[in-house]
Amino acid sequence: MKRAHPNPPAASVLSAVLPACAARRAVTVPPAGAVRSAQRLNRAAGVLALSVLADSALEHYRGAFHNKAMVMPLLSAALSLAVSTHGNADKRAAAHRIRDGVYAAAILVGVTGTGFHLYNVLKRPGAWSWQSLFYGAPMGAPAALILSGATGFLAERVRNTRPGSAPKVGGITAGRVVAAAAAAGLLGTSAEVALMHFRGAYHDPFMYLPVTIPPLTAVLTAAAALGAPRRPRPLTRWFLRATAALGIAGVGFHAIGVARNMGGWRNWSQNVLNGPPIPAPPSFAGLALEGLAAMGLLQEHPDD
């Protein structure tokens, strides 16, 4: 009688282990999970679009719309806000052609606006100087429309995930792409705020908050984009929430800045135009929402 081999044959081991490994490595993502992540990005794109709509309407009204093209960011931001609202309510696991088109148009309008603003700065006396940067067309303003369009475009790519697959953008895990985009947006917006607050001589200590908290948030978000997935990253989430709160609080601080001008709110028609821009700070909230969406993607849909 043959004795049983104390160790099972290699073939038996492989036949038992390989199916288990395959089951463990298989990524099964329910379509509803990708849709929820896309809706979070739609909300972020909508907040950015709302900020751009209000801010560009105010600034271009102050400029008397002397260039007919100045109505384009208003139209583009309004459409972006509308399709973002639609996307937030849409539970279908497929990209929407109209939303994609509106978001792509927002990016194009934002890039074109950046060119117009650059020309406005360079044609001023002294060309590329502090004076021109302080009082010329704000270079960072059209970039917010680019960020809104890009965030919405990423939302549609996440939504268009094939059932059973993890969301990817250009072959890269969507969470990493969205986190990198949010980090870049936070750094760029912080640079614009730093320039404007430098012009204001940082006369209020609270003016240091948007040039310290968001950059730190950007660094943490970029680290998440490059780091291991499935980590809860409570510190990064805390800074993202603090940045979102800062974007809302900034509206109040800018409203106080308007009230400090001669005549205060009684002279609102002049002071709102010449005081700190009230609609600008919510851009931080929109970017923070994008970062939080990225954290959710990295945890719920990690690398295959």
C-alpha atoms as a PDB file:
ATOM      1  CA  MET A   1       0.000   0.000   0.000  1.00  0.00           C
ATOM      2  CA  LYS A   2       1.346   3.456  -0.971  1.00  0.00           C
ATOM      3  CA  ARG A   3       1.930   5.854   1.839  1.00  0.00           C
ATOM      4  CA  ALA A   4       0.357   9.279   1.584  1.00  0.00           C
ATOM      5  CA  HIS A   5       2.945  11.894   0.739  1.00  0.00           C
ATOM      6  CA  PRO A   6       3.391  14.211   3.728  1.00  0.00           C
ATOM      7  CA  ASN A   7       3.462  17.231   1.412  1.00  0.00           C
ATOM      8  CA  PRO A   8       0.840  17.582  -1.345  1.00  0.00           C
ATOM      9  CA  PRO A   9       2.205  17.743  -4.908  1.00  0.00           C
ATOM     10  CA  ALA A  10       3.007  21.159  -6.326  1.00  0.00           C
ATOM     11  CA  ALA A  11       0.205  20.873  -8.871  1.00  0.00           C
ATOM     12  CA  SER A  12      -2.325  20.387  -6.094  1.00  0.00           C
ATOM     13  CA  VAL A  13      -1.004  23.393  -4.219  1.00  0.00           C
ATOM     14  CA  LEU A  14      -1.179  25.606  -7.290  1.00  0.00           C
ATOM     15  CA  SER A  15      -4.675  24.417  -8.168  1.00  0.00           C
ATOM     16  CA  ALA A  16      -5.815  25.378  -4.686  1.00  0.00           C
ATOM     17  CA  VAL A  17      -3.932  28.668  -4.363  1.00  0.00           C
ATOM     18  CA  LEU A  18      -4.316  30.237  -7.808  1.00  0.00           C
ATOM     19  CA  PRO A  19      -8.119  30.512  -7.755  1.00  0.00           C
ATOM     20  CA  ALA A  20      -7.920  32.098  -4.305  1.00  0.00           C
ATOM     21  CA  CYS A  21      -5.331  34.609  -5.479  1.00  0.00           C
ATOM     22  CA  ALA A  22      -7.373  35.394  -8.549  1.00  0.00           C
ATOM     23  CA  ALA A  23     -10.443  35.936  -6.429  1.00  0.00           C
ATOM     24  CA  ARG A  24      -8.482  38.189  -4.113  1.00  0.00           C
ATOM     25  CA  ARG A  25      -7.010  40.261  -6.930  1.00  0.00           C
ATOM     26  CA  ALA A  26     -10.201  40.574  -8.933  1.00  0.00           C
ATOM     27  CA  VAL A  27     -11.676  44.043  -8.671  1.00  0.00           C
ATOM     28  CA  THR A  28     -15.442  44.071  -8.571  1.00  0.00           C
ATOM     29  CA  VAL A  29     -16.759  47.600  -8.571  1.00  0.00           C
ATOM     30  CA  PRO A  30     -20.521  48.088  -8.590  1.00  0.00           C
ATOM     31  CA  PRO A  31     -21.572  50.758 -11.126  1.00  0.00           C
ATOM     32  CA  ALA A  32     -23.332  52.706  -8.365  1.00  0.00           C
ATOM     33  CA  GLY A  33     -19.971  53.297  -6.650  1.00  0.00           C
ATOM     34  CA  ALA A  34     -18.471  54.989  -9.700  1.00  0.00           C
ATOM     35  CA  VAL A  35     -21.630  57.063 -10.143  1.00  0.00           C
ATOM     36  CA  ARG A  36     -21.457  58.304  -6.543  1.00  0.00           C
ATOM     37  CA  SER A  37     -17.843  59.372  -7.068  1.00  0.00           C
ATOM     38  CA  ALA A  38     -18.820  61.127 -10.303  1.00  0.00           C
ATOM     39  CA  GLN A  39     -21.628  62.976  -8.536  1.00  0.00           C
ATOM     40  CA  ARG A  40     -19.153  64.248  -5.938  1.00  0.00           C
ATOM     41  CA  LEU A  41     -17.021  65.617  -8.755  1.00  0.00           C
ATOM     42  CA  ASN A  42     -20.091  67.159 -10.406  1.00  0.00           C
ATOM     43  CA  ARG A  43     -20.767  69.022  -7.151  1.00  0.00           C
ATOM     44  CA  ALA A  44     -17.164  70.254  -7.034  1.00  0.00           C
ATOM     45  CA  ALA A  45     -17.387  71.440 -10.646  1.00  0.00           C
ATOM     46  CA  GLY A  46     -20.669  73.197  -9.863  1.00  0.00           C
ATOM     47  CA  VAL A  47     -19.239  75.110  -6.896  1.00  0.00           C
ATOM     48  CA  LEU A  48     -16.297  76.250  -9.033  1.00  0.00           C
ATOM     49  CA  ALA A  49     -18.654  77.271 -11.840  1.00  0.00           C
ATOM     50  CA  LEU A  50     -20.854  79.252  -9.439  1.00  0.00           C
ATOM     51  CA  SER A  51     -17.834  81.109  -8.094  1.00  0.00           C
ATOM     52  CA  VAL A  52     -16.647  81.916 -11.623  1.00  0.00           C
ATOM     53  CA  LEU A  53     -20.112  83.029 -12.715  1.00  0.00           C
ATOM     54  CA  ALA A  54     -20.541  85.482  -9.840  1.00  0.00           C
ATOM     55  CA  ASP A  55     -16.947  86.727  -9.896  1.00  0.00           C
ATOM     56  CA  SER A  56     -16.712  87.248 -13.668  1.00  0.00           C
ATOM     57  CA  ALA A  57     -20.129  88.935 -13.731  1.00  0.00           C
ATOM     58  CA  LEU A  58     -18.952  91.392 -11.080  1.00  0.00           C
ATOM     59  CA  GLU A  59     -15.527  92.068 -12.567  1.00  0.00           C
ATOM     60  CA  HIS A  60     -16.680  92.319 -16.176  1.00  0.00           C
ATOM     61  CA  TYR A  61     -19.556  94.583 -15.182  1.00  0.00           C
ATOM     62  CA  ARG A  62     -16.956  96.826 -13.558  1.00  0.00           C
ATOM     63  CA  GLY A  63     -15.128  96.757 -16.902  1.00  0.00           C
ATOM     64  CA  ALA A  64     -18.397  97.770 -18.630  1.00  0.00           C
ATOM     65  CA  PHE A  65     -18.112  94.734 -20.932  1.00  0.00           C
ATOM     66  CA  HIS A  66     -16.035  96.892 -23.277  1.00  0.00           C
ATOM     67  CA  ASN A  67     -14.983  93.717 -25.093  1.00  0.00           C
ATOM     68  CA  LYS A  68     -17.936  91.673 -26.337  1.00  0.00           C
ATOM     69  CA  ALA A  69     -16.047  88.472 -25.559  1.00  0.00           C
ATOM     70  CA  MET A  70     -16.397  89.311 -21.851  1.00  0.00           C
ATOM     71  CA  VAL A  71     -19.860  87.729 -21.845  1.00  0.00           C
ATOM     72  CA  MET A  72     -18.416  84.327 -22.780  1.00  0.00           C
ATOM     73  CA  PRO A  73     -17.190  83.278 -19.302  1.00  0.00           C
ATOM     74  CA  LEU A  74     -20.601  84.164 -17.876  1.00  0.00           C
ATOM     75  CA  LEU A  75     -22.381  81.987 -20.425  1.00  0.00           C
ATOM     76  CA  SER A  76     -19.868  79.168 -20.082  1.00  0.00           C
ATOM     77  CA  ALA A  77     -19.944  79.230 -16.264  1.00  0.00           C
ATOM     78  CA  ALA A  78     -23.755  79.306 -16.251  1.00  0.00           C
ATOM     79  CA  LEU A  79     -23.891  76.278 -18.550  1.00  0.00           C
ATOM     80  CA  SER A  80     -21.280  74.468 -16.456  1.00  0.00           C
ATOM     81  CA  LEU A  81     -23.343  75.121 -13.346  1.00  0.00           C
ATOM     82  CA  ALA A  82     -26.462  73.809 -15.084  1.00  0.00           C
ATOM     83  CA  VAL A  83     -24.879  70.571 -16.352  1.00  0.00           C
ATOM     84  CA  SER A  84     -23.150  70.014 -12.996  1.00  0.00           C
ATOM     85  CA  THR A  85     -26.539  70.219 -11.300  1.00  0.00           C
ATOM     86  CA  HIS A  86     -27.875  67.764 -13.872  1.00  0.00           C
ATOM     87  CA  GLY A  87     -24.924  65.426 -13.320  1.00  0.00           C
ATOM     88  CA  ASN A  88     -25.396  65.514  -9.563  1.00  0.00           C
ATOM     89  CA  ALA A  89     -28.953  64.213 -10.039  1.00  0.00           C
ATOM     90  CA  ASP A  90     -28.080  61.741 -12.821  1.00  0.00           C
ATOM     91  CA  LYS A  91     -27.718  58.145 -11.567  1.00  0.00           C
ATOM     92  CA  ARG A  92     -26.864  56.605 -14.934  1.00  0.00           C
ATOM     93  CA  ALA A  93     -23.485  54.924 -15.301  1.00  0.00           C
ATOM     94  CA  ALA A  94     -22.575  56.553 -18.593  1.00  0.00           C
ATOM     95  CA  ALA A  95     -21.008  59.816 -19.704  1.00  0.00           C
ATOM     96  CA  HIS A  96     -23.377  62.447 -21.052  1.00  0.00           C
ATOM     97  CA  ARG A  97     -22.460  64.001 -24.400  1.00  0.00           C
ATOM     98  CA  ILE A  98     -23.942  67.406 -23.632  1.00  0.00           C
ATOM     99  CA  ARG A  99     -22.203  67.614 -20.258  1.00  0.00           C
ATOM    100  CA  ASP A 100     -18.940  66.573 -21.873  1.00  0.00           C
ATOM    101  CA  GLY A 101     -19.356  69.275 -24.523  1.00  0.00           C
ATOM    102  CA  VAL A 102     -20.140  72.003 -21.988  1.00  0.00           C
ATOM    103  CA  TYR A 103     -17.170  71.060 -19.809  1.00  0.00           C
ATOM    104  CA  ALA A 104     -14.844  70.991 -22.824  1.00  0.00           C
ATOM    105  CA  ALA A 105     -16.150  74.406 -23.879  1.00  0.00           C
ATOM    106  CA  ALA A 106     -15.484  75.742 -20.368  1.00  0.00           C
ATOM    107  CA  ILE A 107     -11.868  74.641 -20.622  1.00  0.00           C
ATOM    108  CA  LEU A 108     -11.541  76.327 -24.032  1.00  0.00           C
ATOM    109  CA  VAL A 109     -13.147  79.564 -22.801  1.00  0.00           C
ATOM    110  CA  GLY A 110     -10.892  79.521 -19.735  1.00  0.00           C
ATOM    111  CA  VAL A 111      -7.742  79.078 -21.831  1.00  0.00           C
ATOM    112  CA  THR A 112      -8.854  81.865 -24.182  1.00  0.00           C
ATOM    113  CA  GLY A 113      -9.639  84.117 -21.211  1.00  0.00           C
ATOM    114  CA  THR A 114      -6.173  83.505 -19.813  1.00  0.00           C
ATOM    115  CA  GLY A 115      -4.755  84.777 -23.107  1.00  0.00           C
ATOM    116  CA  PHE A 116      -6.937  87.914 -22.968  1.00  0.00           C
ATOM    117  CA  HIS A 117      -5.924  88.603 -19.354  1.00  0.00           C
ATOM    118  CA  LEU A 118      -2.255  88.082 -20.167  1.00  0.00           C
ATOM    119  CA  TYR A 119      -2.558  90.564 -23.036  1.00  0.00           C
ATOM    120  CA  ASN A 120      -4.276  93.041 -20.705  1.00  0.00           C
ATOM    121  CA  VAL A 121      -1.395  92.817 -18.242  1.00  0.00           C
ATOM    122  CA  LEU A 122       1.350  93.075 -20.861  1.00  0.00           C
ATOM    123  CA  LYS A 123      -0.122  96.113 -22.636  1.00  0.00           C
ATOM    124  CA  ARG A 124      -0.130  98.194 -19.447  1.00  0.00           C
ATOM    125  CA  PRO A 125       2.718 100.657 -18.727  1.00  0.00           C
ATOM    126  CA  GLY A 126       5.602  98.656 -17.337  1.00  0.00           C
ATOM    127  CA  ALA A 127       4.259  95.458 -18.917  1.00  0.00           C
ATOM    128  CA  TRP A 128       5.183  92.523 -16.668  1.00  0.00           C
ATOM    129  CA  SER A 129       5.538  94.361 -13.361  1.00  0.00           C
ATOM    130  CA  TRP A 130       4.055  94.267  -9.872  1.00  0.00           C
ATOM    131  CA  GLN A 131       1.868  97.232 -10.713  1.00  0.00           C
ATOM    132  CA  SER A 132       0.453  95.490 -13.771  1.00  0.00           C
ATOM    133  CA  LEU A 133      -0.092  92.232 -11.917  1.00  0.00           C
ATOM    134  CA  PHE A 134      -1.798  94.054  -9.043  1.00  0.00           C
ATOM    135  CA  TYR A 135      -4.181  96.163 -11.089  1.00  0.00           C
ATOM    136  CA  GLY A 136      -4.434  94.436 -14.458  1.00  0.00           C
ATOM    137  CA  ALA A 137      -6.889  91.666 -15.318  1.00  0.00           C
ATOM    138  CA  PRO A 138      -6.408  88.896 -12.708  1.00  0.00           C
ATOM    139  CA  MET A 139      -4.403  86.101 -14.275  1.00  0.00           C
ATOM    140  CA  GLY A 140      -5.895  83.398 -12.082  1.00  0.00           C
ATOM    141  CA  ALA A 141      -9.555  84.216 -12.689  1.00  0.00           C
ATOM    142  CA  PRO A 142     -10.000  82.381 -16.041  1.00  0.00           C
ATOM    143  CA  ALA A 143      -8.090  79.428 -14.574  1.00  0.00           C
ATOM    144  CA  ALA A 144     -11.013  78.794 -12.214  1.00  0.00           C
ATOM    145  CA  LEU A 145     -13.204  78.156 -15.264  1.00  0.00           C
ATOM    146  CA  ILE A 146     -10.583  75.742 -16.596  1.00  0.00           C
ATOM    147  CA  LEU A 147     -10.638  73.944 -13.241  1.00  0.00           C
ATOM    148  CA  SER A 148     -14.429  73.726 -13.297  1.00  0.00           C
ATOM    149  CA  GLY A 149     -14.444  72.269 -16.805  1.00  0.00           C
ATOM    150  CA  ALA A 150     -11.623  69.837 -16.033  1.00  0.00           C
ATOM    151  CA  THR A 151     -13.306  68.643 -12.839  1.00  0.00           C
ATOM    152  CA  GLY A 152     -16.569  68.062 -14.686  1.00  0.00           C
ATOM    153  CA  PHE A 153     -14.752  66.269 -17.506  1.00  0.00           C
ATOM    154  CA  LEU A 154     -13.115  63.960 -14.947  1.00  0.00           C
ATOM    155  CA  ALA A 155     -16.540  63.335 -13.434  1.00  0.00           C
ATOM    156  CA  GLU A 156     -17.790  62.057 -16.788  1.00  0.00           C
ATOM    157  CA  ARG A 157     -14.767  59.772 -17.191  1.00  0.00           C
ATOM    158  CA  VAL A 158     -15.367  58.269 -13.741  1.00  0.00           C
ATOM    159  CA  ARG A 159     -19.076  57.861 -14.489  1.00  0.00           C
ATOM    160  CA  ASN A 160     -18.259  56.090 -17.752  1.00  0.00           C
ATOM    161  CA  THR A 161     -16.485  53.238 -15.950  1.00  0.00           C
ATOM    162  CA  ARG A 162     -17.211  49.787 -17.359  1.00  0.00           C
ATOM    163  CA  PRO A 163     -19.218  47.638 -14.888  1.00  0.00           C
ATOM    164  CA  GLY A 164     -16.904  45.497 -12.805  1.00  0.00           C
ATOM    165  CA  SER A 165     -13.855  47.701 -13.444  1.00  0.00           C
ATOM    166  CA  ALA A 166     -12.117  50.317 -11.326  1.00  0.00           C
ATOM    167  CA  PRO A 167     -12.448  53.938 -12.579  1.00  0.00           C
ATOM    168  CA  LYS A 168      -9.456  55.019 -14.632  1.00  0.00           C
ATOM    169  CA  VAL A 169      -8.486  58.087 -16.631  1.00  0.00           C
ATOM    170  CA  GLY A 170      -6.031  57.514 -19.449  1.00  0.00           C
ATOM    171  CA  GLY A 171      -5.067  54.155 -17.972  1.00  0.00           C
ATOM    172  CA  ILE A 172      -4.265  55.678 -14.560  1.00  0.00           C
ATOM    173  CA  THR A 173      -6.373  55.101 -11.468  1.00  0.00           C
ATOM    174  CA  ALA A 174      -8.955  57.899 -11.379  1.00  0.00           C
ATOM    175  CA  GLY A 175      -8.329  58.678  -7.711  1.00  0.00           C
ATOM    176  CA  ARG A 176      -4.693  59.513  -8.428  1.00  0.00           C
ATOM    177  CA  VAL A 177      -5.575  61.730 -11.404  1.00  0.00           C
ATOM    178  CA  VAL A 178      -8.290  63.613  -9.510  1.00  0.00           C
ATOM    179  CA  ALA A 179      -6.042  64.075  -6.454  1.00  0.00           C
ATOM    180  CA  ALA A 180      -3.241  65.458  -8.631  1.00  0.00           C
ATOM    181  CA  ALA A 181      -5.673  67.841 -10.355  1.00  0.00           C
ATOM    182  CA  ALA A 182      -7.032  69.066  -7.019  1.00  0.00           C
ATOM    183  CA  ALA A 183      -3.520  69.618  -5.657  1.00  0.00           C
ATOM    184  CA  ALA A 184      -2.486  71.614  -8.734  1.00  0.00           C
ATOM    185  CA  GLY A 185      -5.656  73.709  -8.532  1.00  0.00           C
ATOM    186  CA  LEU A 186      -5.117  74.476  -4.866  1.00  0.00           C
ATOM    187  CA  LEU A 187      -1.535  75.594  -5.481  1.00  0.00           C
ATOM    188  CA  GLY A 188      -2.506  77.824  -8.404  1.00  0.00           C
ATOM    189  CA  THR A 189      -5.409  79.413  -6.517  1.00  0.00           C
ATOM    190  CA  SER A 190      -3.203  79.978  -3.475  1.00  0.00           C
ATOM    191  CA  ALA A 191      -0.656  81.765  -5.667  1.00  0.00           C
ATOM    192  CA  GLU A 192      -3.359  84.118  -7.005  1.00  0.00           C
ATOM    193  CA  VAL A 193      -4.596  84.822  -3.471  1.00  0.00           C
ATOM    194  CA  ALA A 194      -1.037  85.419  -2.261  1.00  0.00           C
ATOM    195  CA  LEU A 195      -0.600  88.084  -4.954  1.00  0.00           C
ATOM    196  CA  MET A 196      -3.860  89.865  -4.098  1.00  0.00           C
ATOM    197  CA  HIS A 197      -3.289  89.708  -0.347  1.00  0.00           C
ATOM    198  CA  PHE A 198       0.252  90.986  -0.839  1.00  0.00           C
ATOM    199  CA  ARG A 199      -1.329  93.949  -2.612  1.00  0.00           C
ATOM    200  CA  GLY A 200      -3.459  94.399   0.514  1.00  0.00           C
ATOM    201  CA  ALA A 201      -0.283  94.305   2.664  1.00  0.00           C
ATOM    202  CA  TYR A 202      -1.769  91.487   4.761  1.00  0.00           C
ATOM    203  CA  HIS A 203      -3.341  94.156   6.965  1.00  0.00           C
ATOM    204  CA  ASP A 204      -5.554  91.519   8.612  1.00  0.00           C
ATOM    205  CA  PRO A 205      -3.854  88.448  10.178  1.00  0.00           C
ATOM    206  CA  PHE A 206      -6.643  86.247   8.780  1.00  0.00           C
ATOM    207  CA  MET A 207      -5.317  87.039   5.312  1.00  0.00           C
ATOM    208  CA  TYR A 208      -2.510  84.557   5.972  1.00  0.00           C
ATOM    209  CA  LEU A 209      -4.925  81.626   6.271  1.00  0.00           C
ATOM    210  CA  PRO A 210      -5.656  81.144   2.539  1.00  0.00           C
ATOM    211  CA  VAL A 211      -1.935  81.237   1.733  1.00  0.00           C
ATOM    212  CA  THR A 212      -0.982  78.657   4.364  1.00  0.00           C
ATOM    213  CA  ILE A 213      -3.786  76.106   4.809  1.00  0.00           C
ATOM    214  CA  PRO A 214      -4.563  75.449   1.097  1.00  0.00           C
ATOM    215  CA  PRO A 215      -0.884  74.967   0.108  1.00  0.00           C
ATOM    216  CA  LEU A 216      -0.443  72.462   2.942  1.00  0.00           C
ATOM    217  CA  THR A 217      -3.627  70.763   1.776  1.00  0.00           C
ATOM    218  CA  ALA A 218      -2.214  70.644  -1.752  1.00  0.00           C
ATOM    219  CA  VAL A 219       0.966  68.935  -0.535  1.00  0.00           C
ATOM    220  CA  LEU A 220      -1.007  66.333   1.422  1.00  0.00           C
ATOM    221  CA  THR A 221      -3.341  65.732  -1.530  1.00  0.00           C
ATOM    222  CA  ALA A 222      -0.389  65.329  -3.905  1.00  0.00           C
ATOM    223  CA  ALA A 223       1.158  62.837  -1.471  1.00  0.00           C
ATOM    224  CA  ALA A 224      -2.103  60.875  -1.550  1.00  0.00           C
ATOM    225  CA  ALA A 225      -1.982  60.868  -5.354  1.00  0.00           C
ATOM    226  CA  LEU A 226       1.464  59.280  -5.247  1.00  0.00           C
ATOM    227  CA  GLY A 227       1.059  57.126  -2.124  1.00  0.00           C
ATOM    228  CA  ALA A 228      -0.526  53.797  -1.312  1.00  0.00           C
ATOM    229  CA  PRO A 229      -4.291  53.498  -1.867  1.00  0.00           C
ATOM    230  CA  ARG A 230      -6.889  52.335   0.646  1.00  0.00           C
ATOM    231  CA  ARG A 231      -5.322  54.448   3.388  1.00  0.00           C
ATOM    232  CA  PRO A 232      -7.896  56.502   5.341  1.00  0.00           C
ATOM    233  CA  ARG A 233      -5.618  59.603   5.427  1.00  0.00           C
ATOM    234  CA  PRO A 234      -7.492  61.416   8.218  1.00  0.00           C
ATOM    235  CA  LEU A 235      -5.021  64.343   8.239  1.00  0.00           C
ATOM    236  CA  THR A 236      -5.505  64.980   4.518  1.00  0.00           C
ATOM    237  CA  ARG A 237      -9.276  64.817   4.877  1.00  0.00           C
ATOM    238  CA  TRP A 238      -9.138  67.219   7.837  1.00  0.00           C
ATOM    239  CA  PHE A 239      -7.143  69.775   5.847  1.00  0.00           C
ATOM    240  CA  LEU A 240      -9.485  69.407   2.867  1.00  0.00           C
ATOM    241  CA  ARG A 241     -12.489  70.082   5.094  1.00  0.00           C
ATOM    242  CA  ALA A 242     -10.665  73.037   6.672  1.00  0.00           C
ATOM    243  CA  THR A 243      -9.964  74.402   3.182  1.00  0.00           C
ATOM    244  CA  ALA A 244     -13.643  74.038   2.252  1.00  0.00           C
ATOM    245  CA  ALA A 245     -14.652  75.877   5.429  1.00  0.00           C
ATOM    246  CA  LEU A 246     -12.067  78.559   4.663  1.00  0.00           C
ATOM    247  CA  GLY A 247     -13.631  79.078   1.230  1.00  0.00           C
ATOM    248  CA  ILE A 248     -17.031  79.721   2.829  1.00  0.00           C
ATOM    249  CA  ALA A 249     -15.614  81.870   5.630  1.00  0.00           C
ATOM    250  CA  GLY A 250     -13.735  83.934   3.057  1.00  0.00           C
ATOM    251  CA  VAL A 251     -17.047  85.235   1.727  1.00  0.00           C
ATOM    252  CA  GLY A 252     -17.755  86.693   5.164  1.00  0.00           C
ATOM    253  CA  PHE A 253     -14.288  88.197   5.489  1.00  0.00           C
ATOM    254  CA  HIS A 254     -14.574  89.820   2.067  1.00  0.00           C
ATOM    255  CA  ALA A 255     -18.014  91.158   2.978  1.00  0.00           C
ATOM    256  CA  ILE A 256     -16.421  92.757   6.068  1.00  0.00           C
ATOM    257  CA  GLY A 257     -13.750  94.213   3.768  1.00  0.00           C
ATOM    258  CA  VAL A 258     -16.487  95.799   1.646  1.00  0.00           C
ATOM    259  CA  ALA A 259     -18.116  97.249   4.785  1.00  0.00           C
ATOM    260  CA  ARG A 260     -14.817  98.896   5.788  1.00  0.00           C
ATOM    261  CA  ASN A 261     -14.781 101.033   2.655  1.00  0.00           C
ATOM    262  CA  MET A 262     -16.142 104.564   2.806  1.00  0.00           C
ATOM    263  CA  GLY A 263     -19.916 104.418   3.072  1.00  0.00           C
ATOM    264  CA  GLY A 264     -19.901 100.696   3.850  1.00  0.00           C
ATOM    265  CA  TRP A 265     -22.821  98.702   2.554  1.00  0.00           C
ATOM    266  CA  ARG A 266     -24.875 101.882   2.211  1.00  0.00           C
ATOM    267  CA  ASN A 267     -22.616 102.622  -0.743  1.00  0.00           C
ATOM    268  CA  TRP A 268     -22.721  98.998  -1.947  1.00  0.00           C
ATOM    269  CA  SER A 269     -22.947  99.814  -5.664  1.00  0.00           C
ATOM    270  CA  GLN A 270     -19.421 101.243  -5.541  1.00  0.00           C
ATOM    271  CA  ASN A 271     -17.848  99.301  -2.680  1.00  0.00           C
ATOM    272  CA  VAL A 272     -18.810  95.858  -3.977  1.00  0.00           C
ATOM    273  CA  LEU A 273     -16.971  96.687  -7.196  1.00  0.00           C
ATOM    274  CA  ASN A 274     -13.908  98.177  -5.522  1.00  0.00           C
ATOM    275  CA  GLY A 275     -13.682  96.044  -2.375  1.00  0.00           C
ATOM    276  CA  PRO A 276     -12.365  92.481  -2.064  1.00  0.00           C
ATOM    277  CA  PRO A 277     -14.174  90.113  -4.473  1.00  0.00           C
ATOM    278  CA  ILE A 278     -16.912  88.391  -2.464  1.00  0.00           C
ATOM    279  CA  PRO A 279     -17.526  85.504  -4.929  1.00  0.00           C
ATOM    280  CA  ALA A 280     -13.855  84.467  -5.206  1.00  0.00           C
ATOM    281  CA  PRO A 281     -13.170  82.455  -1.999  1.00  0.00           C
ATOM    282  CA  PRO A 282     -15.638  79.594  -2.740  1.00  0.00           C
ATOM    283  CA  SER A 283     -13.164  78.377  -5.352  1.00  0.00           C
ATOM    284  CA  PHE A 284     -11.275  76.857  -2.428  1.00  0.00           C
ATOM    285  CA  ALA A 285     -14.438  75.023  -1.379  1.00  0.00           C
ATOM    286  CA  GLY A 286     -14.880  73.580  -4.868  1.00  0.00           C
ATOM    287  CA  LEU A 287     -11.284  72.365  -5.018  1.00  0.00           C
ATOM    288  CA  ALA A 288     -11.554  70.892  -1.528  1.00  0.00           C
ATOM    289  CA  LEU A 289     -14.663  68.964  -2.610  1.00  0.00           C
ATOM    290  CA  GLU A 290     -12.673  67.663  -5.566  1.00  0.00           C
ATOM    291  CA  GLY A 291      -9.917  66.553  -3.198  1.00  0.00           C
ATOM    292  CA  LEU A 292     -12.408  64.774  -0.928  1.00  0.00           C
ATOM    293  CA  ALA A 293     -13.848  63.024  -3.973  1.00  0.00           C
ATOM    294  CA  ALA A 294     -10.319  61.901  -4.832  1.00  0.00           C
ATOM    295  CA  MET A 295      -9.838  60.485  -1.323  1.00  0.00           C
ATOM    296  CA  GLY A 296     -13.045  58.516  -1.750  1.00  0.00           C
ATOM    297  CA  LEU A 297     -11.913  57.184  -5.123  1.00  0.00           C
ATOM    298  CA  LEU A 298      -8.533  56.120  -3.747  1.00  0.00           C
ATOM    299  CA  GLN A 299     -10.139  54.263  -0.852  1.00  0.00           C
ATOM    300  CA  GLU A 300     -13.131  52.737  -2.645  1.00  0.00           C
ATOM    301  CA  HIS A 301     -11.506  52.060  -6.035  1.00  0.00           C
ATOM    302  CA  PRO A 302      -7.764  51.453  -5.534  1.00  0.00           C
ATOM    303  CA  ASP A 303      -5.250  50.253  -8.133  1.00  0.00           C
ATOM    304  CA  ASP A 304      -6.042  46.924  -9.752  1.00  0.00           C
END
